[in-house]
C-alpha atoms as a PDB file:
ATOM      1  CA  MET A   1       1.033 -14.878 -14.855  1.00  0.00           C
ATOM      2  CA  ALA A   2       4.057 -16.830 -13.661  1.00  0.00           C
ATOM      3  CA  TYR A   3       5.222 -16.589 -10.074  1.00  0.00           C
ATOM      4  CA  THR A   4       8.707 -15.229  -9.527  1.00  0.00           C
ATOM      5  CA  SER A   5      10.687 -14.767  -6.341  1.00  0.00           C
ATOM      6  CA  ALA A   6      10.541 -11.007  -6.959  1.00  0.00           C
ATOM      7  CA  ASP A   7       6.788 -10.994  -6.221  1.00  0.00           C
ATOM      8  CA  THR A   8       6.544  -9.337  -2.824  1.00  0.00           C
ATOM      9  CA  VAL A   9       2.896  -8.268  -2.723  1.00  0.00           C
ATOM     10  CA  PRO A  10      -0.089 -10.618  -2.853  1.00  0.00           C
ATOM     11  CA  THR A  11      -1.713 -10.243  -6.260  1.00  0.00           C
ATOM     12  CA  ILE A  12      -5.138 -11.042  -7.693  1.00  0.00           C
ATOM     13  CA  VAL A  13      -4.675 -13.776 -10.299  1.00  0.00           C
ATOM     14  CA  GLY A  14      -8.303 -14.662 -10.955  1.00  0.00           C
ATOM     15  CA  ALA A  15     -11.845 -13.417 -10.367  1.00  0.00           C
ATOM     16  CA  GLN A  16     -15.290 -14.908 -10.822  1.00  0.00           C
ATOM     17  CA  VAL A  17     -18.849 -14.284  -9.695  1.00  0.00           C
ATOM     18  CA  THR A  18     -20.873 -16.938  -7.915  1.00  0.00           C
ATOM     19  CA  GLY A  19     -24.269 -17.146  -6.262  1.00  0.00           C
ATOM     20  CA  GLY A  20     -24.166 -16.129  -2.638  1.00  0.00           C
ATOM     21  CA  HIS A  21     -26.532 -16.036   0.280  1.00  0.00           C
ATOM     22  CA  GLU A  22     -30.032 -14.713  -0.305  1.00  0.00           C
ATOM     23  CA  GLY A  23     -29.507 -14.856  -4.069  1.00  0.00           C
ATOM     24  CA  LEU A  24     -26.990 -12.006  -4.184  1.00  0.00           C
ATOM     25  CA  PRO A  25     -23.834 -12.502  -6.235  1.00  0.00           C
ATOM     26  CA  GLU A  26     -20.460 -12.776  -4.540  1.00  0.00           C
ATOM     27  CA  LEU A  27     -17.036 -12.128  -5.997  1.00  0.00           C
ATOM     28  CA  ILE A  28     -14.431 -14.831  -5.550  1.00  0.00           C
ATOM     29  CA  LEU A  29     -10.860 -13.635  -5.956  1.00  0.00           C
ATOM     30  CA  GLN A  30      -7.916 -15.971  -6.410  1.00  0.00           C
ATOM     31  CA  VAL A  31      -4.975 -14.345  -4.657  1.00  0.00           C
ATOM     32  CA  ARG A  32      -1.351 -15.413  -5.098  1.00  0.00           C
ATOM     33  CA  TYR A  33       0.726 -14.744  -2.000  1.00  0.00           C
ATOM     34  CA  GLU A  34       4.446 -14.061  -1.729  1.00  0.00           C
ATOM     35  CA  ASN A  35       5.224 -17.750  -1.209  1.00  0.00           C
ATOM     36  CA  GLY A  36       3.403 -18.763  -4.413  1.00  0.00           C
ATOM     37  CA  VAL A  37       0.307 -20.180  -2.712  1.00  0.00           C
ATOM     38  CA  VAL A  38      -3.003 -19.274  -4.355  1.00  0.00           C
ATOM     39  CA  SER A  39      -6.168 -19.170  -2.276  1.00  0.00           C
ATOM     40  CA  ASP A  40      -9.725 -17.943  -2.696  1.00  0.00           C
ATOM     41  CA  VAL A  41     -11.103 -14.835  -1.021  1.00  0.00           C
ATOM     42  CA  THR A  42     -14.871 -14.287  -1.125  1.00  0.00           C
ATOM     43  CA  MET A  43     -16.339 -10.792  -1.136  1.00  0.00           C
ATOM     44  CA  GLU A  44     -19.947  -9.693  -0.768  1.00  0.00           C
ATOM     45  CA  ASN A  45     -21.483  -8.111  -3.854  1.00  0.00           C
ATOM     46  CA  GLN A  46     -21.228  -4.525  -2.566  1.00  0.00           C
ATOM     47  CA  MET A  47     -17.515  -4.916  -1.751  1.00  0.00           C
ATOM     48  CA  GLY A  48     -16.854  -6.455  -5.159  1.00  0.00           C
ATOM     49  CA  VAL A  49     -18.484  -3.483  -6.859  1.00  0.00           C
ATOM     50  CA  ARG A  50     -16.396  -1.109  -4.713  1.00  0.00           C
ATOM     51  CA  LEU A  51     -13.220  -3.006  -5.582  1.00  0.00           C
ATOM     52  CA  MET A  52     -13.896  -2.819  -9.317  1.00  0.00           C
ATOM     53  CA  ALA A  53     -14.580   0.924  -9.051  1.00  0.00           C
ATOM     54  CA  ALA A  54     -11.418   1.493  -6.992  1.00  0.00           C
ATOM     55  CA  CYS A  55      -9.386  -0.376  -9.607  1.00  0.00           C
ATOM     56  CA  GLY A  56     -11.049   1.559 -12.448  1.00  0.00           C
ATOM     57  CA  VAL A  57     -12.251  -1.587 -14.212  1.00  0.00           C
ATOM     58  CA  GLU A  58     -15.597  -2.621 -15.631  1.00  0.00           C
ATOM     59  CA  GLU A  59     -14.834  -6.307 -16.276  1.00  0.00           C
ATOM     60  CA  LEU A  60     -13.606  -9.030 -13.932  1.00  0.00           C
ATOM     61  CA  ASP A  61     -10.511  -9.620 -16.074  1.00  0.00           C
ATOM     62  CA  GLY A  62      -9.422  -6.094 -15.173  1.00  0.00           C
ATOM     63  CA  LEU A  63      -8.892  -7.226 -11.585  1.00  0.00           C
ATOM     64  CA  ILE A  64      -6.198  -9.701 -12.615  1.00  0.00           C
ATOM     65  CA  GLY A  65      -2.787  -8.349 -11.755  1.00  0.00           C
ATOM     66  CA  GLN A  66      -4.121  -5.862  -9.205  1.00  0.00           C
ATOM     67  CA  PRO A  67      -2.244  -5.876  -5.890  1.00  0.00           C
ATOM     68  CA  TRP A  68      -3.971  -7.040  -2.719  1.00  0.00           C
ATOM     69  CA  THR A  69      -3.470  -3.537  -1.335  1.00  0.00           C
ATOM     70  CA  ARG A  70      -6.407  -2.465  -3.545  1.00  0.00           C
ATOM     71  CA  VAL A  71      -8.654  -4.690  -1.437  1.00  0.00           C
ATOM     72  CA  MET A  72      -7.240  -3.249   1.770  1.00  0.00           C
ATOM     73  CA  GLU A  73      -7.969   0.279   0.517  1.00  0.00           C
ATOM     74  CA  ILE A  74     -11.728  -0.353   0.219  1.00  0.00           C
ATOM     75  CA  LEU A  75     -12.225  -2.049   3.572  1.00  0.00           C
ATOM     76  CA  PRO A  76     -14.117   0.010   6.135  1.00  0.00           C
ATOM     77  CA  ARG A  77     -11.815   1.598   8.677  1.00  0.00           C
ATOM     78  CA  GLN A  78     -12.535   1.002  12.321  1.00  0.00           C
ATOM     79  CA  GLU A  79     -12.289   3.958  14.630  1.00  0.00           C
ATOM     80  CA  GLY A  80     -10.840   3.190  17.921  1.00  0.00           C
END
């Protein structure tokens, strides 16, 4: 996916699973921000599973192209 100046929402451009703490898998997302910078975001296994379900995908490749707002939607809300 090529970056264009019209991109105004951070977007997932890559996803992979890696070994995490205590032997549980973690999801590493590569996120491209509005300025074109790509950085890694690591999610615990449970959050990765929730993200895939929220996006309606069964494979990691299905996360590519999803907006960052999908991640924000699954984060626990703090009452306060």
